[in-house]
Amino acid sequence: MTESPAARRHRFGAFEADASTGELRRQGIRIRLNAQPFQVLLALLKRPASC
């Protein structure tokens, strides 16, 4: 089973992280982020804290 492209995008606040392209955007503007910090961000987004 494969994920849809929309399932690989995570939106939070003014930001959008796209796992398929490895891009982080803020209000449509790309923010440069190295690969390892981006992977950490994705891991956190996949398991949000329940507060």
Protein backbone atom coordinates (compact mmCIF):
# COMPACT_ATOMS: atom_id res chain seq x y z
CA MET A 1 0.00 0.00 0.00
CA THR A 2 1.43 3.41 -0.97
CA GLU A 3 0.72 6.77 0.59
CA SER A 4 -1.06 9.46 -1.39
CA PRO A 5 0.92 12.66 -2.04
CA ALA A 6 -1.38 14.55 0.33
CA ALA A 7 -0.59 12.06 3.12
CA ARG A 8 3.09 12.94 2.81
CA ARG A 9 2.43 16.62 3.57
CA HIS A 10 2.20 17.83 7.13
CA ARG A 11 0.74 21.25 7.91
CA PHE A 12 1.27 23.01 11.21
CA GLY A 13 0.66 26.69 11.77
CA ALA A 14 2.06 28.66 8.82
CA PHE A 15 4.36 25.76 7.87
CA GLU A 16 4.11 22.80 5.52
CA ALA A 17 6.59 19.92 5.47
CA ASP A 18 6.56 17.78 2.33
CA ALA A 19 8.14 14.37 2.94
CA SER A 20 8.20 13.48 -0.77
CA THR A 21 10.33 16.50 -1.74
CA GLY A 22 12.13 17.08 1.56
CA GLU A 23 10.99 20.69 1.66
CA LEU A 24 9.79 22.88 4.48
CA ARG A 25 7.76 25.92 3.51
CA ARG A 26 6.40 28.86 5.46
CA GLN A 27 3.50 30.57 3.75
CA GLY A 28 4.70 29.09 0.45
CA ILE A 29 8.33 30.24 0.83
CA ARG A 30 10.91 27.46 0.98
CA ILE A 31 13.05 27.32 4.11
CA ARG A 32 16.43 25.63 3.78
CA LEU A 33 16.79 22.75 6.18
CA ASN A 34 19.45 20.05 6.15
CA ALA A 35 18.36 16.43 5.71
CA GLN A 36 18.85 15.21 9.29
CA PRO A 37 16.92 18.05 10.99
CA PHE A 38 14.15 17.58 8.41
CA GLN A 39 13.94 13.87 9.26
CA VAL A 40 13.68 14.72 12.97
CA LEU A 41 10.90 17.20 12.19
CA LEU A 42 9.01 14.52 10.22
CA ALA A 43 9.38 12.03 13.08
CA LEU A 44 7.92 14.58 15.50
CA LEU A 45 5.08 15.41 13.13
CA LYS A 46 4.15 11.75 12.73
CA ARG A 47 3.86 11.35 16.53
CA PRO A 48 2.35 14.54 17.94
CA ALA A 49 2.35 14.93 21.72
CA SER A 50 -1.00 14.48 23.41
CA CYS A 51 -1.22 17.38 25.81
